[in-house]
C-alpha atoms as a PDB file:
ATOM      1  CA  MET A   1    -167.422  54.152 -61.736  1.00  0.00           C
ATOM      2  CA  THR A   2    -164.254  55.664 -60.243  1.00  0.00           C
ATOM      3  CA  THR A   3    -160.932  54.023 -59.534  1.00  0.00           C
ATOM      4  CA  ASP A   4    -157.987  55.926 -58.092  1.00  0.00           C
ATOM      5  CA  SER A   5    -159.678  59.274 -58.786  1.00  0.00           C
ATOM      6  CA  VAL A   6    -159.815  58.479 -62.523  1.00  0.00           C
ATOM      7  CA  THR A   7    -163.212  58.084 -64.103  1.00  0.00           C
ATOM      8  CA  MET A   8    -163.450  55.009 -66.331  1.00  0.00           C
ATOM      9  CA  LYS A   9    -166.219  53.807 -68.586  1.00  0.00           C
ATOM     10  CA  MET A  10    -166.468  50.110 -69.438  1.00  0.00           C
ATOM     11  CA  LYS A  11    -168.261  48.849 -72.521  1.00  0.00           C
ATOM     12  CA  GLU A  12    -168.699  45.263 -73.678  1.00  0.00           C
ATOM     13  CA  ASN A  13    -166.878  44.611 -76.950  1.00  0.00           C
ATOM     14  CA  ASN A  14    -169.929  43.504 -78.893  1.00  0.00           C
ATOM     15  CA  PRO A  15    -170.232  45.445 -82.137  1.00  0.00           C
ATOM     16  CA  GLU A  16    -173.133  44.005 -84.056  1.00  0.00           C
ATOM     17  CA  THR A  17    -172.104  42.865 -87.527  1.00  0.00           C
ATOM     18  CA  PRO A  18    -175.230  41.960 -89.482  1.00  0.00           C
ATOM     19  CA  PHE A  19    -175.662  38.206 -89.881  1.00  0.00           C
ATOM     20  CA  LEU A  20    -176.158  38.416 -93.651  1.00  0.00           C
ATOM     21  CA  LEU A  21    -172.892  40.337 -94.031  1.00  0.00           C
ATOM     22  CA  ARG A  22    -171.081  37.690 -91.937  1.00  0.00           C
ATOM     23  CA  VAL A  23    -172.500  34.888 -94.122  1.00  0.00           C
ATOM     24  CA  ILE A  24    -171.503  36.662 -97.340  1.00  0.00           C
ATOM     25  CA  TRP A  25    -168.023  37.348 -95.910  1.00  0.00           C
ATOM     26  CA  PHE A  26    -167.609  33.676 -94.969  1.00  0.00           C
ATOM     27  CA  PHE A  27    -168.501  32.328 -98.402  1.00  0.00           C
ATOM     28  CA  VAL A  28    -166.743  35.004-100.483  1.00  0.00           C
ATOM     29  CA  PHE A  29    -163.578  35.675 -98.470  1.00  0.00           C
ATOM     30  CA  GLY A  30    -163.562  34.075 -95.024  1.00  0.00           C
ATOM     31  CA  TRP A  31    -163.108  30.397 -95.785  1.00  0.00           C
ATOM     32  CA  GLU A  32    -160.231  30.805 -98.239  1.00  0.00           C
ATOM     33  CA  LEU A  33    -158.560  33.613 -96.304  1.00  0.00           C
ATOM     34  CA  THR A  34    -158.755  31.637 -93.052  1.00  0.00           C
ATOM     35  CA  GLY A  35    -156.838  28.728 -94.568  1.00  0.00           C
ATOM     36  CA  ILE A  36    -154.028  31.018 -95.681  1.00  0.00           C
ATOM     37  CA  TRP A  37    -154.179  32.929 -92.361  1.00  0.00           C
ATOM     38  CA  ILE A  38    -153.748  29.706 -90.342  1.00  0.00           C
ATOM     39  CA  LEU A  39    -150.845  28.484 -92.481  1.00  0.00           C
ATOM     40  CA  VAL A  40    -149.012  31.811 -92.150  1.00  0.00           C
ATOM     41  CA  ALA A  41    -149.705  31.906 -88.399  1.00  0.00           C
ATOM     42  CA  TRP A  42    -148.418  28.383 -88.005  1.00  0.00           C
ATOM     43  CA  ALA A  43    -145.290  29.140 -89.997  1.00  0.00           C
ATOM     44  CA  LEU A  44    -144.672  32.107 -87.690  1.00  0.00           C
ATOM     45  CA  ASN A  45    -145.304  29.901 -84.633  1.00  0.00           C
ATOM     46  CA  ALA A  46    -142.575  27.560 -85.829  1.00  0.00           C
ATOM     47  CA  SER A  47    -139.986  30.280 -85.235  1.00  0.00           C
ATOM     48  CA  ILE A  48    -139.156  31.981 -81.955  1.00  0.00           C
ATOM     49  CA  ILE A  49    -139.015  35.401 -83.602  1.00  0.00           C
ATOM     50  CA  GLY A  50    -142.431  35.067 -85.261  1.00  0.00           C
ATOM     51  CA  LEU A  51    -144.178  33.432 -82.305  1.00  0.00           C
ATOM     52  CA  PRO A  52    -145.852  36.598 -80.915  1.00  0.00           C
ATOM     53  CA  LEU A  53    -147.265  37.534 -84.328  1.00  0.00           C
ATOM     54  CA  GLY A  54    -148.334  33.933 -84.993  1.00  0.00           C
ATOM     55  CA  LEU A  55    -150.231  33.741 -81.694  1.00  0.00           C
ATOM     56  CA  TRP A  56    -151.800  37.134 -82.383  1.00  0.00           C
ATOM     57  CA  MET A  57    -152.983  35.809 -85.762  1.00  0.00           C
ATOM     58  CA  ILE A  58    -154.398  32.602 -84.244  1.00  0.00           C
ATOM     59  CA  ASP A  59    -156.273  34.700 -81.686  1.00  0.00           C
ATOM     60  CA  ARG A  60    -157.987  36.488 -84.570  1.00  0.00           C
ATOM     61  CA  VAL A  61    -159.013  33.432 -86.633  1.00  0.00           C
ATOM     62  CA  PRO A  62    -162.705  33.853 -85.656  1.00  0.00           C
ATOM     63  CA  GLN A  63    -162.603  37.449 -86.925  1.00  0.00           C
ATOM     64  CA  VAL A  64    -161.038  36.432 -90.241  1.00  0.00           C
ATOM     65  CA  LEU A  65    -163.471  33.538 -90.682  1.00  0.00           C
ATOM     66  CA  THR A  66    -166.796  35.203 -89.871  1.00  0.00           C
ATOM     67  CA  LEU A  67    -166.100  38.790 -88.724  1.00  0.00           C
ATOM     68  CA  LYS A  68    -166.898  37.671 -85.164  1.00  0.00           C
ATOM     69  CA  ALA A  69    -166.058  40.286 -82.516  1.00  0.00           C
ATOM     70  CA  ARG A  70    -163.442  39.374 -79.904  1.00  0.00           C
ATOM     71  CA  PRO A  71    -164.768  38.822 -76.372  1.00  0.00           C
ATOM     72  CA  GLY A  72    -163.626  41.346 -73.826  1.00  0.00           C
ATOM     73  CA  VAL A  73    -164.220  44.808 -72.471  1.00  0.00           C
ATOM     74  CA  MET A  74    -163.302  48.217 -73.865  1.00  0.00           C
ATOM     75  CA  VAL A  75    -162.236  50.535 -71.031  1.00  0.00           C
ATOM     76  CA  THR A  76    -162.251  54.279 -71.738  1.00  0.00           C
ATOM     77  CA  ASP A  77    -160.653  56.886 -69.482  1.00  0.00           C
ATOM     78  CA  MET A  78    -163.202  59.701 -69.386  1.00  0.00           C
ATOM     79  CA  LYS A  79    -160.600  62.374 -68.534  1.00  0.00           C
ATOM     80  CA  ASP A  80    -158.360  62.013 -71.582  1.00  0.00           C
ATOM     81  CA  GLY A  81    -160.539  59.829 -73.838  1.00  0.00           C
ATOM     82  CA  ARG A  82    -158.028  57.008 -74.225  1.00  0.00           C
ATOM     83  CA  SER A  83    -159.458  53.534 -74.746  1.00  0.00           C
ATOM     84  CA  GLN A  84    -157.914  50.167 -74.024  1.00  0.00           C
ATOM     85  CA  PHE A  85    -159.213  46.701 -74.924  1.00  0.00           C
ATOM     86  CA  LEU A  86    -159.016  44.134 -72.131  1.00  0.00           C
ATOM     87  CA  PRO A  87    -159.479  40.613 -73.506  1.00  0.00           C
ATOM     88  CA  ALA A  88    -161.399  38.066 -71.474  1.00  0.00           C
ATOM     89  CA  THR A  89    -158.885  35.538 -70.113  1.00  0.00           C
ATOM     90  CA  ASN A  90    -159.194  33.103 -67.251  1.00  0.00           C
ATOM     91  CA  ALA A  91    -155.965  31.116 -67.110  1.00  0.00           C
ATOM     92  CA  PRO A  92    -152.767  32.679 -65.727  1.00  0.00           C
ATOM     93  CA  PHE A  93    -149.961  33.360 -68.207  1.00  0.00           C
ATOM     94  CA  LEU A  94    -147.616  30.677 -66.816  1.00  0.00           C
ATOM     95  CA  ILE A  95    -150.234  27.935 -67.202  1.00  0.00           C
ATOM     96  CA  ARG A  96    -151.032  29.117 -70.729  1.00  0.00           C
ATOM     97  CA  ALA A  97    -147.325  29.154 -71.648  1.00  0.00           C
ATOM     98  CA  VAL A  98    -146.712  25.623 -70.334  1.00  0.00           C
ATOM     99  CA  TYR A  99    -149.838  24.346 -72.092  1.00  0.00           C
ATOM    100  CA  PHE A 100    -148.707  25.924 -75.379  1.00  0.00           C
ATOM    101  CA  VAL A 101    -145.220  24.386 -75.164  1.00  0.00           C
ATOM    102  CA  LEU A 102    -146.515  20.891 -74.305  1.00  0.00           C
ATOM    103  CA  PHE A 103    -149.737  20.649 -76.321  1.00  0.00           C
ATOM    104  CA  GLY A 104    -150.970  23.822 -77.984  1.00  0.00           C
ATOM    105  CA  TRP A 105    -148.357  24.200 -80.712  1.00  0.00           C
ATOM    106  CA  TRP A 106    -149.026  20.815 -82.326  1.00  0.00           C
ATOM    107  CA  PHE A 107    -152.639  20.155 -81.320  1.00  0.00           C
ATOM    108  CA  SER A 108    -153.826  23.498 -82.712  1.00  0.00           C
ATOM    109  CA  LEU A 109    -152.546  22.598 -86.173  1.00  0.00           C
ATOM    110  CA  LEU A 110    -154.435  19.289 -86.156  1.00  0.00           C
ATOM    111  CA  TRP A 111    -157.531  21.037 -84.779  1.00  0.00           C
ATOM    112  CA  ALA A 112    -157.377  23.779 -87.433  1.00  0.00           C
ATOM    113  CA  PHE A 113    -156.813  21.312 -90.270  1.00  0.00           C
ATOM    114  CA  LEU A 114    -159.780  19.156 -89.232  1.00  0.00           C
ATOM    115  CA  ALA A 115    -161.996  22.229 -88.734  1.00  0.00           C
ATOM    116  CA  TYR A 116    -160.998  23.614 -92.126  1.00  0.00           C
ATOM    117  CA  LEU A 117    -161.877  20.310 -93.803  1.00  0.00           C
ATOM    118  CA  LEU A 118    -165.237  20.239 -92.021  1.00  0.00           C
ATOM    119  CA  CYS A 119    -165.954  23.741 -93.351  1.00  0.00           C
ATOM    120  CA  ALA A 120    -165.582  22.369 -96.876  1.00  0.00           C
ATOM    121  CA  THR A 121    -168.709  20.223 -96.426  1.00  0.00           C
ATOM    122  CA  ILE A 122    -172.252  21.426 -95.912  1.00  0.00           C
ATOM    123  CA  ILE A 123    -172.913  18.876 -93.153  1.00  0.00           C
ATOM    124  CA  GLY A 124    -169.685  19.657 -91.295  1.00  0.00           C
ATOM    125  CA  LEU A 125    -169.844  23.436 -91.757  1.00  0.00           C
ATOM    126  CA  PRO A 126    -171.443  24.311 -88.380  1.00  0.00           C
ATOM    127  CA  LEU A 127    -169.002  22.120 -86.452  1.00  0.00           C
ATOM    128  CA  GLY A 128    -166.040  23.408 -88.466  1.00  0.00           C
ATOM    129  CA  VAL A 129    -166.946  27.046 -87.759  1.00  0.00           C
ATOM    130  CA  MET A 130    -167.360  26.273 -84.042  1.00  0.00           C
ATOM    131  CA  MET A 131    -163.979  24.535 -84.011  1.00  0.00           C
ATOM    132  CA  LEU A 132    -162.252  27.459 -85.755  1.00  0.00           C
ATOM    133  CA  ASN A 133    -163.909  29.881 -83.318  1.00  0.00           C
ATOM    134  CA  GLY A 134    -162.388  27.822 -80.499  1.00  0.00           C
ATOM    135  CA  LEU A 135    -158.898  27.716 -82.041  1.00  0.00           C
ATOM    136  CA  PRO A 136    -157.439  30.390 -79.698  1.00  0.00           C
ATOM    137  CA  ALA A 137    -158.537  28.300 -76.698  1.00  0.00           C
ATOM    138  CA  VAL A 138    -157.001  25.151 -78.176  1.00  0.00           C
ATOM    139  CA  THR A 139    -153.716  26.933 -78.898  1.00  0.00           C
ATOM    140  CA  THR A 140    -153.129  28.902 -75.694  1.00  0.00           C
ATOM    141  CA  LEU A 141    -156.200  28.450 -73.475  1.00  0.00           C
ATOM    142  CA  ALA A 142    -157.311  31.965 -74.436  1.00  0.00           C
ATOM    143  CA  ASN A 143    -161.040  32.667 -74.292  1.00  0.00           C
ATOM    144  CA  SER A 144    -162.605  32.782 -77.710  1.00  0.00           C
END
């Protein structure tokens, strides 16, 4: 594929982490670390200065919880070998920003708290993991 006389190679961002390793990670580190990760991210979101880092952390909650790969595409320039990750997003930035200011900042905390509590039970575990995987979408309408 060529664009503007520069050869690019696109690759889906889908590194395969073995399922057993993801399960062990979740039970040994993921569940506890995710709770701390969310609290730190939310504390950063409460300040204007820490907001970018807090949103970056919320976007990576699924990775911290279960080592899930982020959706998107890795684009590599074949001439100089530089790679760039392009996340999969659908909503324009302005809509995402307005949503975050009106709803995302407070609703994401409630969502994360409920999901975290569901993860503490065997019956609620699948729903809690799905909810935490969707936390970036609840916070800023980002694809998760």
